[in-house]
């Protein structure tokens, strides 16, 4: 499943009551994990965020069903800002804005999406969009392709080596 499809899904407690929507993911790319799934509850003026992990998920289909009861969710720590939950991990939404460059300092593209298994909280691949608006192409990488993560993502491969892996 692509992360963009997962974000926004409705979340149900174990009693089948809606408790919110998936708002964001806390990503630990070095471990190839989604550390936390951030859920938003409430309306536009009273948003509160809380997080769950893979152990709290019962099933994922058209909805995300949690193993947690209404009381369990009520007792979770809730915050008004996502940053108070994320900590040192990356926000998925911020991560997708990062520019990717090759080991020889050539721009490869920008993070477009991730292929994830939300029930196991695993990141299988990262999708990089390359090319211009009329010439979009894509490159799939895994955590083993990444050398450094900072303001940019630096891959272990030269631009010429990566060109062979780029597809329409």
N, C-alpha and C. Protein backbone atom coordinates (compact mmCIF):
# COMPACT_ATOMS: atom_id res chain seq x y z
N UNK A 1 0.84 -1.16 0.00
CA UNK A 1 0.00 0.00 0.00
C UNK A 1 0.89 1.24 0.00
N UNK A 2 0.50 2.23 -0.77
CA UNK A 2 1.25 3.48 -0.78
C UNK A 2 0.84 4.30 0.44
N UNK A 3 1.80 4.98 1.04
CA UNK A 3 1.54 5.76 2.24
C UNK A 3 0.49 6.83 2.00
N UNK A 4 0.47 7.43 0.80
CA UNK A 4 -0.53 8.46 0.51
C UNK A 4 -1.95 7.91 0.57
N UNK A 5 -2.13 6.64 0.26
CA UNK A 5 -3.45 6.00 0.35
C UNK A 5 -3.83 5.74 1.80
N UNK A 6 -2.86 5.48 2.63
CA UNK A 6 -3.09 5.16 4.04
C UNK A 6 -3.47 6.41 4.83
N UNK A 7 -2.77 7.51 4.56
CA UNK A 7 -3.06 8.75 5.27
C UNK A 7 -4.45 9.23 4.86
N UNK A 8 -5.26 9.53 5.85
CA UNK A 8 -6.63 9.96 5.61
C UNK A 8 -7.66 8.87 5.84
N UNK A 9 -7.20 7.62 5.99
CA UNK A 9 -8.15 6.53 6.24
C UNK A 9 -8.84 6.73 7.59
N UNK A 10 -10.11 6.35 7.66
CA UNK A 10 -10.86 6.41 8.91
C UNK A 10 -10.40 5.30 9.84
N UNK A 11 -10.37 5.61 11.14
CA UNK A 11 -9.90 4.68 12.16
C UNK A 11 -11.07 4.35 13.08
N UNK A 12 -11.23 3.04 13.34
CA UNK A 12 -12.29 2.56 14.21
C UNK A 12 -11.68 1.90 15.45
N UNK A 13 -12.37 2.03 16.58
CA UNK A 13 -11.93 1.30 17.77
C UNK A 13 -12.46 -0.14 17.68
N UNK A 14 -12.17 -0.96 18.68
CA UNK A 14 -12.57 -2.36 18.58
C UNK A 14 -14.07 -2.55 18.70
N UNK A 15 -14.78 -1.52 19.18
CA UNK A 15 -16.24 -1.58 19.24
C UNK A 15 -16.89 -1.06 17.96
N UNK A 16 -16.10 -0.81 16.91
CA UNK A 16 -16.56 -0.36 15.59
C UNK A 16 -17.07 1.08 15.59
N UNK A 17 -16.55 1.91 16.48
CA UNK A 17 -16.88 3.33 16.49
C UNK A 17 -15.71 4.12 15.90
N UNK A 18 -16.03 5.12 15.08
CA UNK A 18 -14.99 5.94 14.47
C UNK A 18 -14.32 6.79 15.53
N UNK A 19 -12.98 6.78 15.53
CA UNK A 19 -12.22 7.56 16.51
C UNK A 19 -11.37 8.65 15.87
N UNK A 20 -11.28 8.66 14.55
CA UNK A 20 -10.48 9.68 13.87
C UNK A 20 -10.02 9.21 12.51
N UNK A 21 -8.99 9.89 12.01
CA UNK A 21 -8.39 9.57 10.71
C UNK A 21 -6.88 9.54 10.86
N UNK A 22 -6.23 8.80 9.98
CA UNK A 22 -4.77 8.78 9.95
C UNK A 22 -4.30 10.15 9.49
N UNK A 23 -3.50 10.84 10.30
CA UNK A 23 -3.04 12.18 9.99
C UNK A 23 -1.62 12.20 9.43
N UNK A 24 -0.76 11.32 9.93
CA UNK A 24 0.64 11.33 9.52
C UNK A 24 1.30 10.06 10.02
N UNK A 25 2.54 9.86 9.63
CA UNK A 25 3.34 8.72 10.07
C UNK A 25 4.66 9.24 10.60
N UNK A 26 5.15 8.65 11.68
CA UNK A 26 6.49 8.93 12.17
C UNK A 26 7.40 7.86 11.57
N UNK A 27 8.33 8.28 10.72
CA UNK A 27 9.14 7.37 9.93
C UNK A 27 10.55 7.29 10.47
N UNK A 28 11.05 6.07 10.68
CA UNK A 28 12.45 5.83 11.01
C UNK A 28 13.04 5.08 9.84
N UNK A 29 13.61 5.83 8.91
CA UNK A 29 14.08 5.22 7.66
C UNK A 29 15.26 4.29 7.87
N UNK A 30 16.12 4.59 8.81
CA UNK A 30 17.28 3.72 9.05
C UNK A 30 16.86 2.32 9.46
N UNK A 31 15.74 2.21 10.17
CA UNK A 31 15.23 0.90 10.58
C UNK A 31 14.16 0.39 9.63
N UNK A 32 13.85 1.20 8.59
CA UNK A 32 12.84 0.84 7.60
C UNK A 32 11.48 0.61 8.28
N UNK A 33 11.15 1.48 9.24
CA UNK A 33 9.93 1.31 10.02
C UNK A 33 9.09 2.58 10.04
N UNK A 34 7.82 2.36 10.18
CA UNK A 34 6.89 3.42 10.57
C UNK A 34 6.79 3.26 12.08
N UNK A 35 7.44 4.15 12.83
CA UNK A 35 7.47 4.01 14.29
C UNK A 35 6.12 4.25 14.93
N UNK A 36 5.42 5.25 14.44
CA UNK A 36 4.12 5.60 15.02
C UNK A 36 3.16 5.97 13.91
N UNK A 37 1.91 5.66 14.12
CA UNK A 37 0.83 6.09 13.24
C UNK A 37 0.09 7.16 14.01
N UNK A 38 0.02 8.36 13.44
CA UNK A 38 -0.59 9.49 14.12
C UNK A 38 -2.05 9.60 13.68
N UNK A 39 -2.94 9.66 14.67
CA UNK A 39 -4.38 9.75 14.41
C UNK A 39 -4.87 11.10 14.92
N UNK A 40 -5.72 11.74 14.14
CA UNK A 40 -6.32 13.01 14.55
C UNK A 40 -7.79 12.76 14.86
N UNK A 41 -8.25 13.34 15.96
CA UNK A 41 -9.65 13.25 16.34
C UNK A 41 -10.17 14.66 16.55
N UNK A 42 -11.48 14.83 16.47
CA UNK A 42 -12.08 16.13 16.70
C UNK A 42 -12.27 16.90 15.42
N UNK A 43 -12.83 18.10 15.56
CA UNK A 43 -13.12 18.95 14.41
C UNK A 43 -12.02 19.96 14.16
N UNK A 44 -12.30 20.88 13.26
CA UNK A 44 -11.30 21.87 12.84
C UNK A 44 -10.81 22.74 14.01
N UNK A 45 -11.68 23.02 14.95
CA UNK A 45 -11.30 23.89 16.06
C UNK A 45 -10.81 23.15 17.29
N UNK A 46 -10.98 21.84 17.31
CA UNK A 46 -10.60 21.08 18.51
C UNK A 46 -9.84 19.81 18.17
N UNK A 47 -8.88 19.91 17.28
CA UNK A 47 -8.08 18.74 16.89
C UNK A 47 -7.17 18.29 18.02
N UNK A 48 -7.13 16.99 18.22
CA UNK A 48 -6.19 16.36 19.14
C UNK A 48 -5.54 15.20 18.41
N UNK A 49 -4.28 14.97 18.68
CA UNK A 49 -3.52 13.91 18.03
C UNK A 49 -3.08 12.88 19.06
N UNK A 50 -3.10 11.61 18.64
CA UNK A 50 -2.53 10.55 19.46
C UNK A 50 -1.89 9.54 18.52
N UNK A 51 -1.06 8.69 19.07
CA UNK A 51 -0.34 7.74 18.21
C UNK A 51 -0.62 6.31 18.64
N UNK A 52 -0.50 5.42 17.67
CA UNK A 52 -0.58 3.98 17.90
C UNK A 52 0.58 3.34 17.16
N UNK A 53 0.84 2.09 17.50
CA UNK A 53 1.88 1.32 16.81
C UNK A 53 1.25 0.07 16.22
N UNK A 54 2.07 -0.74 15.58
CA UNK A 54 1.55 -1.94 14.91
C UNK A 54 0.84 -2.89 15.88
N UNK A 55 1.24 -2.91 17.12
CA UNK A 55 0.60 -3.82 18.10
C UNK A 55 -0.84 -3.41 18.40
N UNK A 56 -1.19 -2.16 18.09
CA UNK A 56 -2.54 -1.66 18.35
C UNK A 56 -3.50 -1.88 17.18
N UNK A 57 -2.99 -2.36 16.05
CA UNK A 57 -3.81 -2.52 14.84
C UNK A 57 -4.35 -3.93 14.75
N UNK A 58 -5.67 -4.05 14.59
CA UNK A 58 -6.31 -5.35 14.41
C UNK A 58 -6.35 -5.71 12.93
N UNK A 59 -6.89 -4.82 12.11
CA UNK A 59 -7.03 -5.08 10.67
C UNK A 59 -6.95 -3.78 9.88
N UNK A 60 -6.56 -3.91 8.61
CA UNK A 60 -6.56 -2.78 7.69
C UNK A 60 -7.23 -3.23 6.40
N UNK A 61 -8.24 -2.50 6.02
CA UNK A 61 -8.95 -2.74 4.76
C UNK A 61 -9.35 -1.38 4.21
N UNK A 62 -10.64 -1.15 4.08
CA UNK A 62 -11.11 0.18 3.72
C UNK A 62 -11.01 1.11 4.92
N UNK A 63 -10.92 0.55 6.11
CA UNK A 63 -10.77 1.28 7.37
C UNK A 63 -9.61 0.67 8.13
N UNK A 64 -9.14 1.40 9.13
CA UNK A 64 -8.14 0.88 10.05
C UNK A 64 -8.88 0.54 11.34
N UNK A 65 -8.88 -0.73 11.70
CA UNK A 65 -9.53 -1.14 12.93
C UNK A 65 -8.47 -1.40 13.99
N UNK A 66 -8.65 -0.75 15.13
CA UNK A 66 -7.70 -0.90 16.23
C UNK A 66 -8.14 -2.00 17.18
N UNK A 67 -7.20 -2.50 17.95
CA UNK A 67 -7.49 -3.46 19.02
C UNK A 67 -7.92 -2.73 20.30
N UNK A 68 -7.89 -1.41 20.26
CA UNK A 68 -8.13 -0.59 21.45
C UNK A 68 -9.61 -0.29 21.62
N UNK A 69 -10.04 -0.30 22.87
CA UNK A 69 -11.42 0.05 23.20
C UNK A 69 -11.56 1.57 23.29
N UNK A 70 -12.78 2.02 23.43
CA UNK A 70 -13.04 3.45 23.60
C UNK A 70 -12.31 3.97 24.85
N UNK A 71 -12.34 3.17 25.91
CA UNK A 71 -11.66 3.57 27.15
C UNK A 71 -10.15 3.61 26.97
N UNK A 72 -9.58 2.62 26.25
CA UNK A 72 -8.14 2.60 25.99
C UNK A 72 -7.72 3.88 25.25
N UNK A 73 -8.50 4.26 24.25
CA UNK A 73 -8.18 5.45 23.45
C UNK A 73 -8.35 6.70 24.30
N UNK A 74 -9.37 6.75 25.12
CA UNK A 74 -9.59 7.89 26.01
C UNK A 74 -8.38 8.09 26.92
N UNK A 75 -7.77 7.01 27.37
CA UNK A 75 -6.64 7.07 28.30
C UNK A 75 -5.29 7.34 27.64
N UNK A 76 -5.24 7.34 26.30
CA UNK A 76 -3.99 7.65 25.62
C UNK A 76 -3.65 9.12 25.78
N UNK A 77 -2.36 9.40 25.78
CA UNK A 77 -1.90 10.79 25.84
C UNK A 77 -2.23 11.47 24.51
N UNK A 78 -2.86 12.63 24.58
CA UNK A 78 -3.25 13.37 23.38
C UNK A 78 -2.60 14.75 23.41
N UNK A 79 -2.23 15.24 22.24
CA UNK A 79 -1.56 16.54 22.12
C UNK A 79 -2.24 17.37 21.05
N UNK A 80 -1.93 18.66 21.04
CA UNK A 80 -2.52 19.57 20.05
C UNK A 80 -1.66 19.73 18.82
N UNK A 81 -0.41 19.31 18.88
CA UNK A 81 0.51 19.44 17.74
C UNK A 81 1.16 18.09 17.45
N UNK A 82 1.23 17.75 16.17
CA UNK A 82 1.86 16.48 15.76
C UNK A 82 3.32 16.44 16.20
N UNK A 83 4.01 17.56 16.15
CA UNK A 83 5.43 17.59 16.52
C UNK A 83 5.68 17.10 17.94
N UNK A 84 4.69 17.23 18.80
CA UNK A 84 4.85 16.76 20.18
C UNK A 84 4.86 15.23 20.27
N UNK A 85 4.42 14.56 19.22
CA UNK A 85 4.42 13.09 19.18
C UNK A 85 5.61 12.56 18.40
N UNK A 86 5.93 13.21 17.30
CA UNK A 86 6.92 12.70 16.34
C UNK A 86 8.30 12.54 16.96
N UNK A 87 8.79 13.52 17.69
CA UNK A 87 10.13 13.42 18.28
C UNK A 87 11.22 13.54 17.23
N UNK A 88 12.19 12.63 17.27
CA UNK A 88 13.34 12.69 16.37
C UNK A 88 13.09 12.04 15.01
N UNK A 89 11.98 11.35 14.86
CA UNK A 89 11.70 10.71 13.59
C UNK A 89 11.28 11.76 12.56
N UNK A 90 11.12 11.31 11.33
CA UNK A 90 10.66 12.18 10.27
C UNK A 90 9.14 12.11 10.17
N UNK A 91 8.52 13.24 9.87
CA UNK A 91 7.11 13.24 9.46
C UNK A 91 7.08 12.68 8.05
N UNK A 92 6.17 11.81 7.76
CA UNK A 92 6.02 11.34 6.39
C UNK A 92 5.78 12.53 5.46
N UNK A 93 4.88 13.42 5.87
CA UNK A 93 4.53 14.56 5.01
C UNK A 93 5.72 15.47 4.75
N UNK A 94 6.60 15.64 5.70
CA UNK A 94 7.81 16.44 5.49
C UNK A 94 8.86 15.67 4.72
N UNK A 95 8.92 14.38 4.97
CA UNK A 95 9.90 13.52 4.31
C UNK A 95 9.70 13.53 2.79
N UNK A 96 8.43 13.61 2.35
CA UNK A 96 8.16 13.57 0.92
C UNK A 96 8.60 14.83 0.19
N UNK A 97 9.04 15.84 0.91
CA UNK A 97 9.53 17.06 0.27
C UNK A 97 11.04 17.03 0.05
N UNK A 98 11.71 16.02 0.55
CA UNK A 98 13.18 15.98 0.49
C UNK A 98 13.68 15.72 -0.94
N UNK A 99 14.77 16.39 -1.26
CA UNK A 99 15.44 16.20 -2.54
C UNK A 99 16.45 15.07 -2.38
N UNK A 100 16.53 14.23 -3.40
CA UNK A 100 17.44 13.08 -3.39
C UNK A 100 18.56 13.36 -4.39
N UNK A 101 19.80 13.14 -3.94
CA UNK A 101 20.94 13.32 -4.83
C UNK A 101 21.79 12.06 -4.84
N UNK A 102 22.53 11.90 -5.93
CA UNK A 102 23.40 10.73 -6.07
C UNK A 102 24.71 10.98 -5.32
N UNK A 103 25.51 9.95 -5.20
CA UNK A 103 26.79 10.04 -4.50
C UNK A 103 27.73 11.02 -5.20
N UNK A 104 27.51 11.24 -6.52
CA UNK A 104 28.32 12.18 -7.27
C UNK A 104 27.65 13.55 -7.38
N UNK A 105 26.77 13.87 -6.42
CA UNK A 105 26.15 15.19 -6.24
C UNK A 105 25.26 15.64 -7.39
N UNK A 106 24.61 14.71 -8.04
CA UNK A 106 23.65 15.03 -9.10
C UNK A 106 22.24 14.87 -8.53
N UNK A 107 21.35 15.81 -8.88
CA UNK A 107 19.97 15.72 -8.40
C UNK A 107 19.26 14.57 -9.10
N UNK A 108 18.69 13.67 -8.30
CA UNK A 108 17.95 12.53 -8.83
C UNK A 108 16.46 12.88 -8.91
N UNK A 109 15.93 13.53 -7.88
CA UNK A 109 14.53 13.89 -7.85
C UNK A 109 14.07 14.16 -6.43
N UNK A 110 12.76 14.05 -6.21
CA UNK A 110 12.18 14.28 -4.88
C UNK A 110 11.41 13.04 -4.46
N UNK A 111 11.34 12.83 -3.14
CA UNK A 111 10.55 11.72 -2.61
C UNK A 111 9.09 11.97 -2.99
N UNK A 112 8.47 11.00 -3.59
CA UNK A 112 7.07 11.10 -4.02
C UNK A 112 6.14 10.34 -3.07
N UNK A 113 6.59 9.15 -2.63
CA UNK A 113 5.72 8.30 -1.84
C UNK A 113 6.55 7.17 -1.24
N UNK A 114 5.91 6.34 -0.45
CA UNK A 114 6.54 5.14 0.10
C UNK A 114 5.59 3.98 -0.05
N UNK A 115 6.14 2.80 -0.27
CA UNK A 115 5.34 1.58 -0.27
C UNK A 115 5.51 0.99 1.12
N UNK A 116 4.38 0.90 1.85
CA UNK A 116 4.43 0.47 3.25
C UNK A 116 3.51 -0.71 3.49
N UNK A 117 3.79 -1.42 4.55
CA UNK A 117 2.88 -2.42 5.11
C UNK A 117 2.46 -1.84 6.45
N UNK A 118 1.33 -1.12 6.49
CA UNK A 118 0.98 -0.42 7.72
C UNK A 118 0.68 -1.33 8.90
N UNK A 119 0.22 -2.54 8.64
CA UNK A 119 -0.09 -3.43 9.76
C UNK A 119 1.18 -3.89 10.47
N UNK A 120 2.24 -4.07 9.72
CA UNK A 120 3.53 -4.47 10.31
C UNK A 120 4.45 -3.26 10.52
N UNK A 121 3.99 -2.08 10.07
CA UNK A 121 4.76 -0.83 10.18
C UNK A 121 6.11 -0.91 9.47
N UNK A 122 6.12 -1.55 8.33
CA UNK A 122 7.34 -1.68 7.53
C UNK A 122 7.30 -0.77 6.31
N UNK A 123 8.46 -0.25 5.95
CA UNK A 123 8.61 0.51 4.72
C UNK A 123 9.33 -0.41 3.74
N UNK A 124 8.67 -0.74 2.64
CA UNK A 124 9.28 -1.64 1.67
C UNK A 124 10.15 -0.89 0.66
N UNK A 125 9.64 0.21 0.13
CA UNK A 125 10.38 0.98 -0.86
C UNK A 125 10.02 2.45 -0.74
N UNK A 126 10.89 3.28 -1.29
CA UNK A 126 10.65 4.72 -1.38
C UNK A 126 10.59 5.04 -2.87
N UNK A 127 9.59 5.81 -3.25
CA UNK A 127 9.40 6.17 -4.66
C UNK A 127 9.89 7.60 -4.85
N UNK A 128 10.82 7.77 -5.79
CA UNK A 128 11.39 9.09 -6.10
C UNK A 128 10.86 9.49 -7.47
N UNK A 129 10.34 10.73 -7.56
CA UNK A 129 9.88 11.27 -8.84
C UNK A 129 11.03 12.02 -9.47
N UNK A 130 11.35 11.68 -10.71
CA UNK A 130 12.41 12.35 -11.45
C UNK A 130 11.81 13.00 -12.68
N UNK A 131 12.57 13.81 -13.36
CA UNK A 131 12.09 14.44 -14.58
C UNK A 131 11.21 15.65 -14.30
N UNK A 132 10.77 16.28 -15.38
CA UNK A 132 9.94 17.48 -15.27
C UNK A 132 8.46 17.15 -15.28
N UNK A 133 7.64 18.20 -15.37
CA UNK A 133 6.19 18.05 -15.32
C UNK A 133 5.65 17.20 -16.47
N UNK A 134 6.27 17.29 -17.64
CA UNK A 134 5.79 16.54 -18.80
C UNK A 134 6.60 15.28 -19.07
N UNK A 135 7.60 15.04 -18.24
CA UNK A 135 8.48 13.90 -18.44
C UNK A 135 8.70 13.16 -17.12
N UNK A 136 7.60 12.89 -16.39
CA UNK A 136 7.72 12.25 -15.09
C UNK A 136 8.18 10.81 -15.24
N UNK A 137 9.16 10.47 -14.43
CA UNK A 137 9.65 9.10 -14.34
C UNK A 137 9.86 8.81 -12.87
N UNK A 138 10.05 7.53 -12.56
CA UNK A 138 10.12 7.14 -11.15
C UNK A 138 11.28 6.18 -10.92
N UNK A 139 11.79 6.25 -9.70
CA UNK A 139 12.87 5.38 -9.25
C UNK A 139 12.46 4.82 -7.89
N UNK A 140 12.55 3.52 -7.73
CA UNK A 140 12.26 2.89 -6.44
C UNK A 140 13.58 2.56 -5.77
N UNK A 141 13.68 2.95 -4.50
CA UNK A 141 14.88 2.63 -3.73
C UNK A 141 14.45 1.98 -2.41
N UNK A 142 15.41 1.39 -1.73
CA UNK A 142 15.16 0.86 -0.39
C UNK A 142 16.13 1.55 0.57
N UNK A 143 16.01 1.22 1.83
CA UNK A 143 16.89 1.83 2.83
C UNK A 143 18.36 1.50 2.58
N UNK A 144 18.64 0.38 1.92
CA UNK A 144 20.03 -0.01 1.67
C UNK A 144 20.68 0.86 0.59
N UNK A 145 19.89 1.61 -0.16
CA UNK A 145 20.42 2.51 -1.19
C UNK A 145 20.84 3.86 -0.61
N UNK A 146 20.49 4.14 0.64
CA UNK A 146 20.70 5.46 1.23
C UNK A 146 22.00 5.50 2.02
N UNK A 147 22.79 6.53 1.73
CA UNK A 147 24.05 6.73 2.46
C UNK A 147 23.85 7.70 3.62
N UNK A 148 23.21 8.87 3.36
CA UNK A 148 23.00 9.88 4.39
C UNK A 148 21.60 10.46 4.28
N UNK A 149 21.05 10.85 5.44
CA UNK A 149 19.78 11.55 5.49
C UNK A 149 19.98 12.80 6.33
N UNK A 150 19.73 13.93 5.71
CA UNK A 150 19.82 15.22 6.41
C UNK A 150 18.81 16.14 5.75
N UNK A 151 19.24 17.33 5.40
CA UNK A 151 18.36 18.22 4.64
C UNK A 151 18.07 17.61 3.27
N UNK A 152 19.00 16.81 2.79
CA UNK A 152 18.87 16.07 1.53
C UNK A 152 19.06 14.59 1.84
N UNK A 153 18.74 13.77 0.87
CA UNK A 153 19.03 12.34 0.97
C UNK A 153 20.10 12.04 -0.06
N UNK A 154 21.21 11.48 0.38
CA UNK A 154 22.30 11.12 -0.52
C UNK A 154 22.30 9.61 -0.67
N UNK A 155 22.25 9.17 -1.92
CA UNK A 155 22.26 7.74 -2.21
C UNK A 155 23.68 7.22 -2.34
N UNK A 156 23.84 5.93 -2.28
CA UNK A 156 25.15 5.28 -2.39
C UNK A 156 25.59 5.09 -3.85
N UNK A 157 24.74 5.44 -4.79
CA UNK A 157 24.98 5.14 -6.20
C UNK A 157 25.26 6.41 -7.00
N UNK A 158 26.01 6.24 -8.08
CA UNK A 158 26.25 7.37 -8.98
C UNK A 158 25.00 7.60 -9.82
N UNK A 159 24.89 8.79 -10.39
CA UNK A 159 23.73 9.13 -11.21
C UNK A 159 23.62 8.18 -12.41
N UNK A 160 24.75 7.85 -13.02
CA UNK A 160 24.73 6.94 -14.18
C UNK A 160 24.19 5.56 -13.79
N UNK A 161 24.55 5.06 -12.62
CA UNK A 161 24.05 3.76 -12.16
C UNK A 161 22.54 3.81 -11.90
N UNK A 162 22.07 4.94 -11.41
CA UNK A 162 20.64 5.09 -11.10
C UNK A 162 19.79 5.21 -12.35
N UNK A 163 20.34 5.80 -13.40
CA UNK A 163 19.57 6.01 -14.64
C UNK A 163 19.01 4.71 -15.20
N UNK A 164 19.74 3.62 -15.00
CA UNK A 164 19.29 2.31 -15.49
C UNK A 164 18.04 1.83 -14.77
N UNK A 165 17.81 2.32 -13.54
CA UNK A 165 16.68 1.86 -12.71
C UNK A 165 15.45 2.76 -12.84
N UNK A 166 15.54 3.88 -13.53
CA UNK A 166 14.44 4.82 -13.66
C UNK A 166 13.45 4.31 -14.71
N UNK A 167 12.15 4.32 -14.35
CA UNK A 167 11.10 3.83 -15.25
C UNK A 167 10.01 4.88 -15.41
N UNK A 168 9.21 4.72 -16.46
CA UNK A 168 8.06 5.61 -16.70
C UNK A 168 6.95 5.35 -15.73
